[in-house]
Amino acid sequence: MNKLTPEEERIILHKGTEAPFSGEYVSFRGKGAYTCKQCGTPLYKSDDKFDSNCGWPSFDDEIPGTVKRSVDSDGVRTEITCKKCGAHLGHVFEGEQMTEKNVRHCVNSLSLKFIKDED
């Protein structure tokens, strides 16, 4: 497991949320993969990232078998966590018609680490 900063712990371990439009990956467009900040598991491919204007990085698909969905403590939203280590990622929403896949993974930048594709 990677060492986390206090702010990363607040998000990843205590299910916090970073302020909208504050994360480093909100507008980021590099080619590669986004991994779990805590354990390093690849979670999302850059090709599945899209601009939703919601204030957090958005993806319309995950790497199969890496993201767990569960009912959030509010009983309404669907929380997403890293299937390997349980790190809080954010929430997933369906039916918004933002992409053809009709899914939006709304993820905290602090829960992710970007790994650039090899050229």
PDB file of N, CA and C in Angstrom:
ATOM      1  N   MET A   1       0.839  -1.187   0.000  1.00  0.00           N
ATOM      2  CA  MET A   1       0.000   0.000   0.000  1.00  0.00           C
ATOM      3  C   MET A   1       0.881   1.247   0.000  1.00  0.00           C
ATOM      4  N   ASN A   2       0.451   2.247  -0.730  1.00  0.00           N
ATOM      5  CA  ASN A   2       1.177   3.503  -0.809  1.00  0.00           C
ATOM      6  C   ASN A   2       0.861   4.380   0.403  1.00  0.00           C
ATOM      7  N   LYS A   3       1.831   5.173   0.808  1.00  0.00           N
ATOM      8  CA  LYS A   3       1.619   6.124   1.894  1.00  0.00           C
ATOM      9  C   LYS A   3       0.746   7.264   1.376  1.00  0.00           C
ATOM     10  N   LEU A   4      -0.266   7.617   2.142  1.00  0.00           N
ATOM     11  CA  LEU A   4      -1.212   8.658   1.745  1.00  0.00           C
ATOM     12  C   LEU A   4      -0.996   9.926   2.549  1.00  0.00           C
ATOM     13  N   THR A   5      -1.253  11.058   1.922  1.00  0.00           N
ATOM     14  CA  THR A   5      -1.235  12.335   2.633  1.00  0.00           C
ATOM     15  C   THR A   5      -2.500  12.412   3.499  1.00  0.00           C
ATOM     16  N   PRO A   6      -2.544  13.329   4.474  1.00  0.00           N
ATOM     17  CA  PRO A   6      -3.762  13.468   5.274  1.00  0.00           C
ATOM     18  C   PRO A   6      -5.011  13.745   4.429  1.00  0.00           C
ATOM     19  N   GLU A   7      -4.898  14.551   3.379  1.00  0.00           N
ATOM     20  CA  GLU A   7      -6.052  14.837   2.525  1.00  0.00           C
ATOM     21  C   GLU A   7      -6.462  13.597   1.720  1.00  0.00           C
ATOM     22  N   GLU A   8      -5.493  12.835   1.231  1.00  0.00           N
ATOM     23  CA  GLU A   8      -5.804  11.584   0.533  1.00  0.00           C
ATOM     24  C   GLU A   8      -6.488  10.605   1.480  1.00  0.00           C
ATOM     25  N   GLU A   9      -6.028  10.527   2.731  1.00  0.00           N
ATOM     26  CA  GLU A   9      -6.683   9.666   3.726  1.00  0.00           C
ATOM     27  C   GLU A   9      -8.133  10.086   3.951  1.00  0.00           C
ATOM     28  N   ARG A  10      -8.385  11.402   4.003  1.00  0.00           N
ATOM     29  CA  ARG A  10      -9.744  11.900   4.213  1.00  0.00           C
ATOM     30  C   ARG A  10     -10.670  11.429   3.095  1.00  0.00           C
ATOM     31  N   ILE A  11     -10.173  11.443   1.870  1.00  0.00           N
ATOM     32  CA  ILE A  11     -10.968  11.027   0.715  1.00  0.00           C
ATOM     33  C   ILE A  11     -11.045   9.500   0.624  1.00  0.00           C
ATOM     34  N   ILE A  12      -9.911   8.846   0.613  1.00  0.00           N
ATOM     35  CA  ILE A  12      -9.815   7.421   0.319  1.00  0.00           C
ATOM     36  C   ILE A  12     -10.271   6.534   1.468  1.00  0.00           C
ATOM     37  N   LEU A  13      -9.871   6.848   2.673  1.00  0.00           N
ATOM     38  CA  LEU A  13     -10.202   5.996   3.823  1.00  0.00           C
ATOM     39  C   LEU A  13     -11.492   6.399   4.525  1.00  0.00           C
ATOM     40  N   HIS A  14     -11.792   7.705   4.526  1.00  0.00           N
ATOM     41  CA  HIS A  14     -12.952   8.204   5.281  1.00  0.00           C
ATOM     42  C   HIS A  14     -14.085   8.674   4.373  1.00  0.00           C
ATOM     43  N   LYS A  15     -14.002   8.290   3.089  1.00  0.00           N
ATOM     44  CA  LYS A  15     -15.067   8.520   2.107  1.00  0.00           C
ATOM     45  C   LYS A  15     -15.432   9.991   1.934  1.00  0.00           C
ATOM     46  N   GLY A  16     -14.404  10.836   1.908  1.00  0.00           N
ATOM     47  CA  GLY A  16     -14.609  12.265   1.701  1.00  0.00           C
ATOM     48  C   GLY A  16     -14.745  12.603   0.228  1.00  0.00           C
ATOM     49  N   THR A  17     -14.927  13.881  -0.034  1.00  0.00           N
ATOM     50  CA  THR A  17     -15.036  14.390  -1.403  1.00  0.00           C
ATOM     51  C   THR A  17     -14.180  15.634  -1.534  1.00  0.00           C
ATOM     52  N   GLU A  18     -13.390  15.703  -2.596  1.00  0.00           N
ATOM     53  CA  GLU A  18     -12.612  16.909  -2.828  1.00  0.00           C
ATOM     54  C   GLU A  18     -13.518  17.984  -3.425  1.00  0.00           C
ATOM     55  N   ALA A  19     -13.113  19.220  -3.278  1.00  0.00           N
ATOM     56  CA  ALA A  19     -13.906  20.330  -3.806  1.00  0.00           C
ATOM     57  C   ALA A  19     -14.023  20.223  -5.325  1.00  0.00           C
ATOM     58  N   PRO A  20     -15.181  20.559  -5.900  1.00  0.00           N
ATOM     59  CA  PRO A  20     -15.328  20.488  -7.354  1.00  0.00           C
ATOM     60  C   PRO A  20     -14.347  21.410  -8.071  1.00  0.00           C
ATOM     61  N   PHE A  21     -13.889  20.953  -9.221  1.00  0.00           N
ATOM     62  CA  PHE A  21     -12.958  21.679 -10.099  1.00  0.00           C
ATOM     63  C   PHE A  21     -11.597  21.947  -9.449  1.00  0.00           C
ATOM     64  N   SER A  22     -11.268  21.214  -8.376  1.00  0.00           N
ATOM     65  CA  SER A  22      -9.987  21.419  -7.701  1.00  0.00           C
ATOM     66  C   SER A  22      -8.968  20.320  -7.998  1.00  0.00           C
ATOM     67  N   GLY A  23      -9.402  19.182  -8.494  1.00  0.00           N
ATOM     68  CA  GLY A  23      -8.507  18.048  -8.697  1.00  0.00           C
ATOM     69  C   GLY A  23      -7.666  18.165  -9.953  1.00  0.00           C
ATOM     70  N   GLU A  24      -6.486  17.579  -9.907  1.00  0.00           N
ATOM     71  CA  GLU A  24      -5.551  17.693 -11.027  1.00  0.00           C
ATOM     72  C   GLU A  24      -6.017  16.967 -12.286  1.00  0.00           C
ATOM     73  N   TYR A  25      -6.956  16.037 -12.191  1.00  0.00           N
ATOM     74  CA  TYR A  25      -7.364  15.271 -13.365  1.00  0.00           C
ATOM     75  C   TYR A  25      -8.705  15.714 -13.956  1.00  0.00           C
ATOM     76  N   VAL A  26      -9.308  16.778 -13.443  1.00  0.00           N
ATOM     77  CA  VAL A  26     -10.607  17.231 -13.957  1.00  0.00           C
ATOM     78  C   VAL A  26     -10.525  17.509 -15.453  1.00  0.00           C
ATOM     79  N   SER A  27      -9.547  18.280 -15.899  1.00  0.00           N
ATOM     80  CA  SER A  27      -9.407  18.651 -17.315  1.00  0.00           C
ATOM     81  C   SER A  27      -8.266  17.926 -18.006  1.00  0.00           C
ATOM     82  N   PHE A  28      -7.578  17.076 -17.294  1.00  0.00           N
ATOM     83  CA  PHE A  28      -6.396  16.380 -17.811  1.00  0.00           C
ATOM     84  C   PHE A  28      -6.773  15.451 -18.968  1.00  0.00           C
ATOM     85  N   ARG A  29      -5.952  15.416 -20.023  1.00  0.00           N
ATOM     86  CA  ARG A  29      -6.271  14.612 -21.208  1.00  0.00           C
ATOM     87  C   ARG A  29      -5.125  13.708 -21.654  1.00  0.00           C
ATOM     88  N   GLY A  30      -4.234  13.299 -20.792  1.00  0.00           N
ATOM     89  CA  GLY A  30      -3.132  12.423 -21.187  1.00  0.00           C
ATOM     90  C   GLY A  30      -3.606  11.039 -21.587  1.00  0.00           C
ATOM     91  N   LYS A  31      -2.769  10.336 -22.344  1.00  0.00           N
ATOM     92  CA  LYS A  31      -3.058   8.959 -22.757  1.00  0.00           C
ATOM     93  C   LYS A  31      -2.376   7.994 -21.801  1.00  0.00           C
ATOM     94  N   GLY A  32      -3.169   7.105 -21.231  1.00  0.00           N
ATOM     95  CA  GLY A  32      -2.624   6.135 -20.292  1.00  0.00           C
ATOM     96  C   GLY A  32      -3.725   5.515 -19.455  1.00  0.00           C
ATOM     97  N   ALA A  33      -3.392   5.199 -18.213  1.00  0.00           N
ATOM     98  CA  ALA A  33      -4.339   4.564 -17.297  1.00  0.00           C
ATOM     99  C   ALA A  33      -4.343   5.298 -15.965  1.00  0.00           C
ATOM    100  N   TYR A  34      -5.482   5.247 -15.313  1.00  0.00           N
ATOM    101  CA  TYR A  34      -5.639   5.814 -13.975  1.00  0.00           C
ATOM    102  C   TYR A  34      -5.681   4.656 -12.997  1.00  0.00           C
ATOM    103  N   THR A  35      -4.791   4.700 -12.006  1.00  0.00           N
ATOM    104  CA  THR A  35      -4.686   3.617 -11.038  1.00  0.00           C
ATOM    105  C   THR A  35      -5.180   4.080  -9.674  1.00  0.00           C
ATOM    106  N   CYS A  36      -5.451   3.129  -8.798  1.00  0.00           N
ATOM    107  CA  CYS A  36      -5.835   3.429  -7.431  1.00  0.00           C
ATOM    108  C   CYS A  36      -4.632   4.043  -6.716  1.00  0.00           C
ATOM    109  N   LYS A  37      -4.824   5.194  -6.097  1.00  0.00           N
ATOM    110  CA  LYS A  37      -3.736   5.883  -5.391  1.00  0.00           C
ATOM    111  C   LYS A  37      -3.216   5.041  -4.233  1.00  0.00           C
ATOM    112  N   GLN A  38      -4.092   4.235  -3.620  1.00  0.00           N
ATOM    113  CA  GLN A  38      -3.686   3.470  -2.443  1.00  0.00           C
ATOM    114  C   GLN A  38      -2.936   2.187  -2.794  1.00  0.00           C
ATOM    115  N   CYS A  39      -3.433   1.403  -3.755  1.00  0.00           N
ATOM    116  CA  CYS A  39      -2.808   0.101  -4.014  1.00  0.00           C
ATOM    117  C   CYS A  39      -2.181  -0.045  -5.397  1.00  0.00           C
ATOM    118  N   GLY A  40      -2.445   0.901  -6.309  1.00  0.00           N
ATOM    119  CA  GLY A  40      -1.831   0.859  -7.631  1.00  0.00           C
ATOM    120  C   GLY A  40      -2.565   0.040  -8.675  1.00  0.00           C
ATOM    121  N   THR A  41      -3.719  -0.495  -8.346  1.00  0.00           N
ATOM    122  CA  THR A  41      -4.491  -1.274  -9.319  1.00  0.00           C
ATOM    123  C   THR A  41      -4.984  -0.379 -10.452  1.00  0.00           C
ATOM    124  N   PRO A  42      -4.768  -0.753 -11.716  1.00  0.00           N
ATOM    125  CA  PRO A  42      -5.335   0.022 -12.829  1.00  0.00           C
ATOM    126  C   PRO A  42      -6.866  -0.057 -12.793  1.00  0.00           C
ATOM    127  N   LEU A  43      -7.518   1.122 -12.824  1.00  0.00           N
ATOM    128  CA  LEU A  43      -8.975   1.201 -12.701  1.00  0.00           C
ATOM    129  C   LEU A  43      -9.665   1.699 -13.966  1.00  0.00           C
ATOM    130  N   TYR A  44      -9.085   2.716 -14.613  1.00  0.00           N
ATOM    131  CA  TYR A  44      -9.722   3.368 -15.760  1.00  0.00           C
ATOM    132  C   TYR A  44      -8.695   3.615 -16.857  1.00  0.00           C
ATOM    133  N   LYS A  45      -9.153   3.510 -18.106  1.00  0.00           N
ATOM    134  CA  LYS A  45      -8.326   3.856 -19.260  1.00  0.00           C
ATOM    135  C   LYS A  45      -8.654   5.281 -19.689  1.00  0.00           C
ATOM    136  N   SER A  46      -7.658   5.997 -20.169  1.00  0.00           N
ATOM    137  CA  SER A  46      -7.878   7.384 -20.590  1.00  0.00           C
ATOM    138  C   SER A  46      -8.905   7.492 -21.713  1.00  0.00           C
ATOM    139  N   ASP A  47      -9.036   6.459 -22.527  1.00  0.00           N
ATOM    140  CA  ASP A  47     -10.020   6.485 -23.614  1.00  0.00           C
ATOM    141  C   ASP A  47     -11.459   6.525 -23.100  1.00  0.00           C
ATOM    142  N   ASP A  48     -11.671   6.148 -21.850  1.00  0.00           N
ATOM    143  CA  ASP A  48     -13.014   6.144 -21.259  1.00  0.00           C
ATOM    144  C   ASP A  48     -13.310   7.406 -20.457  1.00  0.00           C
ATOM    145  N   LYS A  49     -12.364   8.353 -20.433  1.00  0.00           N
ATOM    146  CA  LYS A  49     -12.559   9.609 -19.715  1.00  0.00           C
ATOM    147  C   LYS A  49     -13.275  10.602 -20.627  1.00  0.00           C
ATOM    148  N   PHE A  50     -14.208  11.361 -20.052  1.00  0.00           N
ATOM    149  CA  PHE A  50     -14.913  12.372 -20.831  1.00  0.00           C
ATOM    150  C   PHE A  50     -15.180  13.600 -19.968  1.00  0.00           C
ATOM    151  N   ASP A  51     -15.446  14.710 -20.627  1.00  0.00           N
ATOM    152  CA  ASP A  51     -15.698  15.972 -19.931  1.00  0.00           C
ATOM    153  C   ASP A  51     -17.184  16.086 -19.635  1.00  0.00           C
ATOM    154  N   SER A  52     -17.540  15.972 -18.353  1.00  0.00           N
ATOM    155  CA  SER A  52     -18.948  16.024 -17.954  1.00  0.00           C
ATOM    156  C   SER A  52     -19.323  17.383 -17.356  1.00  0.00           C
ATOM    157  N   ASN A  53     -18.330  18.247 -17.156  1.00  0.00           N
ATOM    158  CA  ASN A  53     -18.548  19.548 -16.521  1.00  0.00           C
ATOM    159  C   ASN A  53     -19.153  19.438 -15.129  1.00  0.00           C
ATOM    160  N   CYS A  54     -18.880  18.338 -14.428  1.00  0.00           N
ATOM    161  CA  CYS A  54     -19.427  18.152 -13.084  1.00  0.00           C
ATOM    162  C   CYS A  54     -18.444  18.580 -11.994  1.00  0.00           C
ATOM    163  N   GLY A  55     -17.174  18.803 -12.364  1.00  0.00           N
ATOM    164  CA  GLY A  55     -16.184  19.222 -11.377  1.00  0.00           C
ATOM    165  C   GLY A  55     -15.235  18.135 -10.920  1.00  0.00           C
ATOM    166  N   TRP A  56     -15.462  16.903 -11.378  1.00  0.00           N
ATOM    167  CA  TRP A  56     -14.598  15.777 -11.035  1.00  0.00           C
ATOM    168  C   TRP A  56     -14.309  14.993 -12.299  1.00  0.00           C
ATOM    169  N   PRO A  57     -13.197  14.248 -12.329  1.00  0.00           N
ATOM    170  CA  PRO A  57     -12.929  13.405 -13.487  1.00  0.00           C
ATOM    171  C   PRO A  57     -14.085  12.418 -13.694  1.00  0.00           C
ATOM    172  N   SER A  58     -14.479  12.235 -14.954  1.00  0.00           N
ATOM    173  CA  SER A  58     -15.593  11.346 -15.275  1.00  0.00           C
ATOM    174  C   SER A  58     -15.158  10.302 -16.289  1.00  0.00           C
ATOM    175  N   PHE A  59     -15.609   9.083 -16.061  1.00  0.00           N
ATOM    176  CA  PHE A  59     -15.317   7.952 -16.945  1.00  0.00           C
ATOM    177  C   PHE A  59     -16.620   7.226 -17.231  1.00  0.00           C
ATOM    178  N   ASP A  60     -16.783   6.719 -18.465  1.00  0.00           N
ATOM    179  CA  ASP A  60     -18.005   5.973 -18.752  1.00  0.00           C
ATOM    180  C   ASP A  60     -17.787   4.459 -18.767  1.00  0.00           C
ATOM    181  N   ASP A  61     -16.625   4.024 -18.293  1.00  0.00           N
ATOM    182  CA  ASP A  61     -16.357   2.601 -18.167  1.00  0.00           C
ATOM    183  C   ASP A  61     -15.158   2.414 -17.241  1.00  0.00           C
ATOM    184  N   GLU A  62     -15.095   1.256 -16.607  1.00  0.00           N
ATOM    185  CA  GLU A  62     -13.945   0.906 -15.786  1.00  0.00           C
ATOM    186  C   GLU A  62     -13.257  -0.297 -16.392  1.00  0.00           C
ATOM    187  N   ILE A  63     -12.039  -0.571 -15.969  1.00  0.00           N
ATOM    188  CA  ILE A  63     -11.371  -1.793 -16.382  1.00  0.00           C
ATOM    189  C   ILE A  63     -12.124  -2.932 -15.689  1.00  0.00           C
ATOM    190  N   PRO A  64     -12.595  -3.925 -16.451  1.00  0.00           N
ATOM    191  CA  PRO A  64     -13.438  -4.976 -15.870  1.00  0.00           C
ATOM    192  C   PRO A  64     -12.836  -5.622 -14.622  1.00  0.00           C
ATOM    193  N   GLY A  65     -13.691  -5.770 -13.614  1.00  0.00           N
ATOM    194  CA  GLY A  65     -13.308  -6.464 -12.384  1.00  0.00           C
ATOM    195  C   GLY A  65     -12.535  -5.641 -11.374  1.00  0.00           C
ATOM    196  N   THR A  66     -12.418  -4.315 -11.576  1.00  0.00           N
ATOM    197  CA  THR A  66     -11.571  -3.517 -10.680  1.00  0.00           C
ATOM    198  C   THR A  66     -12.344  -2.571  -9.757  1.00  0.00           C
ATOM    199  N   VAL A  67     -13.608  -2.277 -10.092  1.00  0.00           N
ATOM    200  CA  VAL A  67     -14.380  -1.305  -9.327  1.00  0.00           C
ATOM    201  C   VAL A  67     -15.607  -1.983  -8.721  1.00  0.00           C
ATOM    202  N   LYS A  68     -15.788  -1.799  -7.423  1.00  0.00           N
ATOM    203  CA  LYS A  68     -16.934  -2.363  -6.713  1.00  0.00           C
ATOM    204  C   LYS A  68     -17.998  -1.286  -6.521  1.00  0.00           C
ATOM    205  N   ARG A  69     -19.240  -1.638  -6.733  1.00  0.00           N
ATOM    206  CA  ARG A  69     -20.375  -0.739  -6.514  1.00  0.00           C
ATOM    207  C   ARG A  69     -21.132  -1.188  -5.271  1.00  0.00           C
ATOM    208  N   SER A  70     -21.547  -0.212  -4.461  1.00  0.00           N
ATOM    209  CA  SER A  70     -22.372  -0.518  -3.296  1.00  0.00           C
ATOM    210  C   SER A  70     -23.251   0.688  -2.980  1.00  0.00           C
ATOM    211  N   VAL A  71     -24.314   0.450  -2.247  1.00  0.00           N
ATOM    212  CA  VAL A  71     -25.205   1.541  -1.865  1.00  0.00           C
ATOM    213  C   VAL A  71     -24.452   2.454  -0.906  1.00  0.00           C
ATOM    214  N   ASP A  72     -24.471   3.750  -1.186  1.00  0.00           N
ATOM    215  CA  ASP A  72     -23.808   4.741  -0.353  1.00  0.00           C
ATOM    216  C   ASP A  72     -24.517   4.837   0.999  1.00  0.00           C
ATOM    217  N   SER A  73     -23.835   5.391   1.988  1.00  0.00           N
ATOM    218  CA  SER A  73     -24.434   5.545   3.319  1.00  0.00           C
ATOM    219  C   SER A  73     -25.671   6.440   3.292  1.00  0.00           C
ATOM    220  N   ASP A  74     -25.833   7.273   2.251  1.00  0.00           N
ATOM    221  CA  ASP A  74     -27.032   8.111   2.142  1.00  0.00           C
ATOM    222  C   ASP A  74     -28.239   7.313   1.644  1.00  0.00           C
ATOM    223  N   GLY A  75     -28.004   6.059   1.224  1.00  0.00           N
ATOM    224  CA  GLY A  75     -29.081   5.200   0.767  1.00  0.00           C
ATOM    225  C   GLY A  75     -29.608   5.523  -0.609  1.00  0.00           C
ATOM    226  N   VAL A  76     -29.039   6.532  -1.267  1.00  0.00           N
ATOM    227  CA  VAL A  76     -29.536   6.978  -2.569  1.00  0.00           C
ATOM    228  C   VAL A  76     -28.505   6.738  -3.668  1.00  0.00           C
ATOM    229  N   ARG A  77     -27.301   7.230  -3.453  1.00  0.00           N
ATOM    230  CA  ARG A  77     -26.259   7.135  -4.484  1.00  0.00           C
ATOM    231  C   ARG A  77     -25.583   5.772  -4.443  1.00  0.00           C
ATOM    232  N   THR A  78     -24.829   5.489  -5.528  1.00  0.00           N
ATOM    233  CA  THR A  78     -24.037   4.267  -5.611  1.00  0.00           C
ATOM    234  C   THR A  78     -22.571   4.638  -5.467  1.00  0.00           C
ATOM    235  N   GLU A  79     -21.954   4.177  -4.386  1.00  0.00           N
ATOM    236  CA  GLU A  79     -20.537   4.436  -4.134  1.00  0.00           C
ATOM    237  C   GLU A  79     -19.699   3.473  -4.967  1.00  0.00           C
ATOM    238  N   ILE A  80     -18.530   3.962  -5.417  1.00  0.00           N
ATOM    239  CA  ILE A  80     -17.574   3.098  -6.096  1.00  0.00           C
ATOM    240  C   ILE A  80     -16.273   3.078  -5.297  1.00  0.00           C
ATOM    241  N   THR A  81     -15.729   1.868  -5.160  1.00  0.00           N
ATOM    242  CA  THR A  81     -14.479   1.660  -4.433  1.00  0.00           C
ATOM    243  C   THR A  81     -13.581   0.740  -5.249  1.00  0.00           C
ATOM    244  N   CYS A  82     -12.293   0.793  -4.946  1.00  0.00           N
ATOM    245  CA  CYS A  82     -11.342  -0.130  -5.563  1.00  0.00           C
ATOM    246  C   CYS A  82     -11.663  -1.525  -5.046  1.00  0.00           C
ATOM    247  N   LYS A  83     -11.873  -2.455  -5.964  1.00  0.00           N
ATOM    248  CA  LYS A  83     -12.246  -3.815  -5.567  1.00  0.00           C
ATOM    249  C   LYS A  83     -11.118  -4.503  -4.796  1.00  0.00           C
ATOM    250  N   LYS A  84      -9.869  -4.136  -5.083  1.00  0.00           N
ATOM    251  CA  LYS A  84      -8.736  -4.801  -4.436  1.00  0.00           C
ATOM    252  C   LYS A  84      -8.527  -4.326  -2.996  1.00  0.00           C
ATOM    253  N   CYS A  85      -8.545  -2.998  -2.772  1.00  0.00           N
ATOM    254  CA  CYS A  85      -8.183  -2.492  -1.436  1.00  0.00           C
ATOM    255  C   CYS A  85      -9.305  -1.748  -0.722  1.00  0.00           C
ATOM    256  N   GLY A  86     -10.417  -1.496  -1.401  1.00  0.00           N
ATOM    257  CA  GLY A  86     -11.538  -0.814  -0.770  1.00  0.00           C
ATOM    258  C   GLY A  86     -11.442   0.696  -0.736  1.00  0.00           C
ATOM    259  N   ALA A  87     -10.475   1.278  -1.413  1.00  0.00           N
ATOM    260  CA  ALA A  87     -10.313   2.737  -1.429  1.00  0.00           C
ATOM    261  C   ALA A  87     -11.548   3.403  -2.026  1.00  0.00           C
ATOM    262  N   HIS A  88     -12.040   4.453  -1.367  1.00  0.00           N
ATOM    263  CA  HIS A  88     -13.182   5.214  -1.885  1.00  0.00           C
ATOM    264  C   HIS A  88     -12.740   5.987  -3.118  1.00  0.00           C
ATOM    265  N   LEU A  89     -13.494   5.831  -4.203  1.00  0.00           N
ATOM    266  CA  LEU A  89     -13.201   6.526  -5.451  1.00  0.00           C
ATOM    267  C   LEU A  89     -14.161   7.675  -5.678  1.00  0.00           C
ATOM    268  N   GLY A  90     -15.442   7.450  -5.445  1.00  0.00           N
ATOM    269  CA  GLY A  90     -16.472   8.446  -5.690  1.00  0.00           C
ATOM    270  C   GLY A  90     -17.817   7.771  -5.826  1.00  0.00           C
ATOM    271  N   HIS A  91     -18.568   8.155  -6.881  1.00  0.00           N
ATOM    272  CA  HIS A  91     -19.906   7.610  -7.107  1.00  0.00           C
ATOM    273  C   HIS A  91     -20.116   7.356  -8.586  1.00  0.00           C
ATOM    274  N   VAL A  92     -21.045   6.478  -8.895  1.00  0.00           N
ATOM    275  CA  VAL A  92     -21.403   6.193 -10.280  1.00  0.00           C
ATOM    276  C   VAL A  92     -22.873   6.553 -10.481  1.00  0.00           C
ATOM    277  N   PHE A  93     -23.147   7.129 -11.649  1.00  0.00           N
ATOM    278  CA  PHE A  93     -24.500   7.556 -12.000  1.00  0.00           C
ATOM    279  C   PHE A  93     -24.863   6.962 -13.352  1.00  0.00           C
ATOM    280  N   GLU A  94     -26.105   6.556 -13.492  1.00  0.00           N
ATOM    281  CA  GLU A  94     -26.585   5.987 -14.752  1.00  0.00           C
ATOM    282  C   GLU A  94     -27.804   6.754 -15.227  1.00  0.00           C
ATOM    283  N   GLY A  95     -28.023   6.749 -16.552  1.00  0.00           N
ATOM    284  CA  GLY A  95     -29.220   7.343 -17.120  1.00  0.00           C
ATOM    285  C   GLY A  95     -29.143   8.832 -17.382  1.00  0.00           C
ATOM    286  N   GLU A  96     -27.953   9.407 -17.388  1.00  0.00           N
ATOM    287  CA  GLU A  96     -27.814  10.851 -17.610  1.00  0.00           C
ATOM    288  C   GLU A  96     -27.667  11.226 -19.084  1.00  0.00           C
ATOM    289  N   GLN A  97     -27.498  10.234 -19.947  1.00  0.00           N
ATOM    290  CA  GLN A  97     -27.368  10.445 -21.392  1.00  0.00           C
ATOM    291  C   GLN A  97     -26.152  11.295 -21.781  1.00  0.00           C
ATOM    292  N   MET A  98     -25.064  11.215 -21.014  1.00  0.00           N
ATOM    293  CA  MET A  98     -23.859  11.988 -21.333  1.00  0.00           C
ATOM    294  C   MET A  98     -22.976  11.302 -22.363  1.00  0.00           C
ATOM    295  N   THR A  99     -23.026   9.977 -22.406  1.00  0.00           N
ATOM    296  CA  THR A  99     -22.257   9.203 -23.390  1.00  0.00           C
ATOM    297  C   THR A  99     -23.150   8.072 -23.897  1.00  0.00           C
ATOM    298  N   GLU A 100     -22.693   7.378 -24.916  1.00  0.00           N
ATOM    299  CA  GLU A 100     -23.446   6.238 -25.446  1.00  0.00           C
ATOM    300  C   GLU A 100     -23.599   5.141 -24.410  1.00  0.00           C
ATOM    301  N   LYS A 101     -22.627   5.001 -23.522  1.00  0.00           N
ATOM    302  CA  LYS A 101     -22.696   3.967 -22.485  1.00  0.00           C
ATOM    303  C   LYS A 101     -23.654   4.350 -21.358  1.00  0.00           C
ATOM    304  N   ASN A 102     -24.014   5.637 -21.277  1.00  0.00           N
ATOM    305  CA  ASN A 102     -25.017   6.132 -20.339  1.00  0.00           C
ATOM    306  C   ASN A 102     -24.622   5.904 -18.869  1.00  0.00           C
ATOM    307  N   VAL A 103     -23.310   5.985 -18.601  1.00  0.00           N
ATOM    308  CA  VAL A 103     -22.762   5.790 -17.260  1.00  0.00           C
ATOM    309  C   VAL A 103     -21.743   6.885 -16.997  1.00  0.00           C
ATOM    310  N   ARG A 104     -21.712   7.379 -15.756  1.00  0.00           N
ATOM    311  CA  ARG A 104     -20.690   8.362 -15.372  1.00  0.00           C
ATOM    312  C   ARG A 104     -20.101   7.973 -14.027  1.00  0.00           C
ATOM    313  N   HIS A 105     -18.830   7.551 -14.050  1.00  0.00           N
ATOM    314  CA  HIS A 105     -18.076   7.346 -12.823  1.00  0.00           C
ATOM    315  C   HIS A 105     -17.508   8.711 -12.451  1.00  0.00           C
ATOM    316  N   CYS A 106     -17.964   9.272 -11.368  1.00  0.00           N
ATOM    317  CA  CYS A 106     -17.531  10.577 -10.880  1.00  0.00           C
ATOM    318  C   CYS A 106     -16.486  10.309  -9.789  1.00  0.00           C
ATOM    319  N   VAL A 107     -15.211  10.562 -10.104  1.00  0.00           N
ATOM    320  CA  VAL A 107     -14.107  10.086  -9.280  1.00  0.00           C
ATOM    321  C   VAL A 107     -13.287  11.248  -8.733  1.00  0.00           C
ATOM    322  N   ASN A 108     -12.897  11.152  -7.470  1.00  0.00           N
ATOM    323  CA  ASN A 108     -11.997  12.138  -6.872  1.00  0.00           C
ATOM    324  C   ASN A 108     -10.607  11.994  -7.482  1.00  0.00           C
ATOM    325  N   SER A 109     -10.016  13.096  -7.929  1.00  0.00           N
ATOM    326  CA  SER A 109      -8.642  13.054  -8.455  1.00  0.00           C
ATOM    327  C   SER A 109      -7.673  12.490  -7.416  1.00  0.00           C
ATOM    328  N   LEU A 110      -7.896  12.827  -6.146  1.00  0.00           N
ATOM    329  CA  LEU A 110      -6.982  12.364  -5.102  1.00  0.00           C
ATOM    330  C   LEU A 110      -7.024  10.853  -4.887  1.00  0.00           C
ATOM    331  N   SER A 111      -8.028  10.179  -5.425  1.00  0.00           N
ATOM    332  CA  SER A 111      -8.112   8.722  -5.333  1.00  0.00           C
ATOM    333  C   SER A 111      -7.336   8.036  -6.448  1.00  0.00           C
ATOM    334  N   LEU A 112      -6.843   8.823  -7.394  1.00  0.00           N
ATOM    335  CA  LEU A 112      -6.220   8.276  -8.593  1.00  0.00           C
ATOM    336  C   LEU A 112      -4.756   8.695  -8.754  1.00  0.00           C
ATOM    337  N   LYS A 113      -4.033   7.894  -9.529  1.00  0.00           N
ATOM    338  CA  LYS A 113      -2.696   8.256  -9.997  1.00  0.00           C
ATOM    339  C   LYS A 113      -2.672   7.915 -11.483  1.00  0.00           C
ATOM    340  N   PHE A 114      -2.191   8.842 -12.294  1.00  0.00           N
ATOM    341  CA  PHE A 114      -2.140   8.636 -13.741  1.00  0.00           C
ATOM    342  C   PHE A 114      -0.802   8.015 -14.125  1.00  0.00           C
ATOM    343  N   ILE A 115      -0.864   6.991 -14.969  1.00  0.00           N
ATOM    344  CA  ILE A 115       0.321   6.355 -15.513  1.00  0.00           C
ATOM    345  C   ILE A 115       0.285   6.526 -17.035  1.00  0.00           C
ATOM    346  N   LYS A 116       1.232   7.262 -17.547  1.00  0.00           N
ATOM    347  CA  LYS A 116       1.296   7.578 -18.985  1.00  0.00           C
ATOM    348  C   LYS A 116       1.616   6.319 -19.789  1.00  0.00           C
ATOM    349  N   ASP A 117       0.949   6.201 -20.976  1.00  0.00           N
ATOM    350  CA  ASP A 117       1.277   5.124 -21.908  1.00  0.00           C
ATOM    351  C   ASP A 117       2.723   5.267 -22.354  1.00  0.00           C
ATOM    352  N   GLU A 118       3.381   4.147 -22.554  1.00  0.00           N
ATOM    353  CA  GLU A 118       4.739   4.180 -23.095  1.00  0.00           C
ATOM    354  C   GLU A 118       4.666   4.572 -24.565  1.00  0.00           C
ATOM    355  N   ASP A 119       5.534   5.475 -24.982  1.00  0.00           N
ATOM    356  CA  ASP A 119       5.535   5.923 -26.381  1.00  0.00           C
ATOM    357  C   ASP A 119       6.185   4.900 -27.282  1.00  0.00           C
TER     358      ASP A 119
END
